[in-house]
N, C-alpha and C. Protein backbone atom coordinates (compact mmCIF):
# COMPACT_ATOMS: atom_id res chain seq x y z
N UNK A 1 0.85 -1.21 0.00
CA UNK A 1 0.00 0.00 0.00
C UNK A 1 0.88 1.26 0.00
N UNK A 2 1.96 1.24 0.76
CA UNK A 2 2.83 2.42 0.83
C UNK A 2 3.46 2.71 -0.52
N UNK A 3 3.87 1.65 -1.23
CA UNK A 3 4.49 1.86 -2.54
C UNK A 3 3.49 2.48 -3.52
N UNK A 4 2.27 1.98 -3.49
CA UNK A 4 1.23 2.52 -4.38
C UNK A 4 0.96 3.99 -4.01
N UNK A 5 0.91 4.25 -2.71
CA UNK A 5 0.66 5.62 -2.26
C UNK A 5 1.81 6.53 -2.71
N UNK A 6 3.02 6.01 -2.70
CA UNK A 6 4.18 6.79 -3.15
C UNK A 6 4.02 7.16 -4.62
N UNK A 7 3.71 6.15 -5.45
CA UNK A 7 3.58 6.40 -6.88
C UNK A 7 2.42 7.36 -7.14
N UNK A 8 1.33 7.22 -6.38
CA UNK A 8 0.19 8.12 -6.54
C UNK A 8 0.60 9.55 -6.17
N UNK A 9 1.38 9.68 -5.10
CA UNK A 9 1.82 11.00 -4.67
C UNK A 9 2.75 11.63 -5.70
N UNK A 10 3.66 10.83 -6.24
CA UNK A 10 4.59 11.36 -7.24
C UNK A 10 3.82 11.81 -8.49
N UNK A 11 2.81 11.03 -8.87
CA UNK A 11 2.00 11.42 -10.03
C UNK A 11 1.25 12.71 -9.72
N UNK A 12 0.78 12.84 -8.50
CA UNK A 12 0.04 14.04 -8.10
C UNK A 12 0.95 15.27 -8.16
N UNK A 13 2.22 15.08 -7.84
CA UNK A 13 3.15 16.21 -7.89
C UNK A 13 3.55 16.53 -9.33
N UNK A 14 3.60 15.50 -10.18
CA UNK A 14 3.98 15.73 -11.57
C UNK A 14 2.88 16.49 -12.32
N UNK A 15 1.64 16.18 -12.02
CA UNK A 15 0.52 16.82 -12.73
C UNK A 15 -0.33 17.62 -11.75
N UNK A 16 -0.94 18.69 -12.22
CA UNK A 16 -1.84 19.49 -11.38
C UNK A 16 -3.03 18.64 -10.93
N UNK A 17 -3.74 19.08 -9.90
CA UNK A 17 -4.94 18.37 -9.44
C UNK A 17 -5.95 18.22 -10.58
N UNK A 18 -6.76 17.16 -10.55
CA UNK A 18 -7.70 16.89 -11.64
C UNK A 18 -8.67 18.05 -11.91
N UNK A 19 -9.05 18.76 -10.86
CA UNK A 19 -10.01 19.85 -11.05
C UNK A 19 -9.40 21.00 -11.86
N UNK A 20 -8.09 21.15 -11.79
CA UNK A 20 -7.44 22.23 -12.53
C UNK A 20 -6.91 21.75 -13.87
N UNK A 21 -7.05 20.46 -14.14
CA UNK A 21 -6.52 19.89 -15.38
C UNK A 21 -7.68 19.40 -16.24
N UNK A 22 -7.81 19.89 -17.48
CA UNK A 22 -8.91 19.46 -18.34
C UNK A 22 -8.81 17.98 -18.71
N UNK A 23 -7.58 17.47 -18.80
CA UNK A 23 -7.39 16.07 -19.18
C UNK A 23 -7.33 15.22 -17.92
N UNK A 24 -8.51 14.81 -17.43
CA UNK A 24 -8.57 14.06 -16.17
C UNK A 24 -8.78 12.57 -16.40
N UNK A 25 -8.98 12.17 -17.66
CA UNK A 25 -9.27 10.76 -17.93
C UNK A 25 -8.12 9.88 -17.47
N UNK A 26 -6.90 10.21 -17.88
CA UNK A 26 -5.74 9.39 -17.51
C UNK A 26 -5.56 9.38 -16.00
N UNK A 27 -5.76 10.52 -15.36
CA UNK A 27 -5.59 10.61 -13.91
C UNK A 27 -6.62 9.72 -13.20
N UNK A 28 -7.88 9.79 -13.66
CA UNK A 28 -8.93 8.98 -13.04
C UNK A 28 -8.66 7.50 -13.24
N UNK A 29 -8.24 7.12 -14.44
CA UNK A 29 -7.95 5.72 -14.73
C UNK A 29 -6.82 5.23 -13.85
N UNK A 30 -5.78 6.05 -13.70
CA UNK A 30 -4.64 5.67 -12.86
C UNK A 30 -5.09 5.50 -11.42
N UNK A 31 -5.95 6.39 -10.95
CA UNK A 31 -6.43 6.31 -9.57
C UNK A 31 -7.24 5.04 -9.37
N UNK A 32 -8.12 4.73 -10.33
CA UNK A 32 -8.95 3.53 -10.22
C UNK A 32 -8.07 2.28 -10.22
N UNK A 33 -7.07 2.25 -11.10
CA UNK A 33 -6.17 1.10 -11.16
C UNK A 33 -5.41 0.96 -9.85
N UNK A 34 -5.01 2.07 -9.25
CA UNK A 34 -4.28 2.02 -7.99
C UNK A 34 -5.18 1.46 -6.89
N UNK A 35 -6.44 1.89 -6.88
CA UNK A 35 -7.37 1.39 -5.87
C UNK A 35 -7.61 -0.10 -6.06
N UNK A 36 -7.75 -0.55 -7.30
CA UNK A 36 -7.97 -1.97 -7.57
C UNK A 36 -6.78 -2.80 -7.14
N UNK A 37 -5.57 -2.35 -7.48
CA UNK A 37 -4.37 -3.11 -7.11
C UNK A 37 -4.20 -3.08 -5.59
N UNK A 38 -4.63 -2.00 -4.96
CA UNK A 38 -4.53 -1.91 -3.51
C UNK A 38 -5.46 -2.92 -2.85
N UNK A 39 -6.65 -3.10 -3.43
CA UNK A 39 -7.60 -4.07 -2.87
C UNK A 39 -7.09 -5.50 -3.07
N UNK A 40 -6.41 -5.74 -4.19
CA UNK A 40 -5.97 -7.09 -4.50
C UNK A 40 -4.78 -7.49 -3.63
N UNK A 41 -4.04 -6.50 -3.12
CA UNK A 41 -2.87 -6.80 -2.28
C UNK A 41 -3.33 -7.36 -0.93
C-alpha cells in the first residue's frame, strides 16, 4: 500500500490536481487502477 501511495503522490506532484486539469481521464484511470491493485494486495 505504501508503494502505491508513493507512486500516486509522485503522479500528483507531476501533474496538477484533476479539477485544474482538463485532461482528467488518464488521472482517473490511474487512480482507479491504484485502488484496484490496492484491494488485490
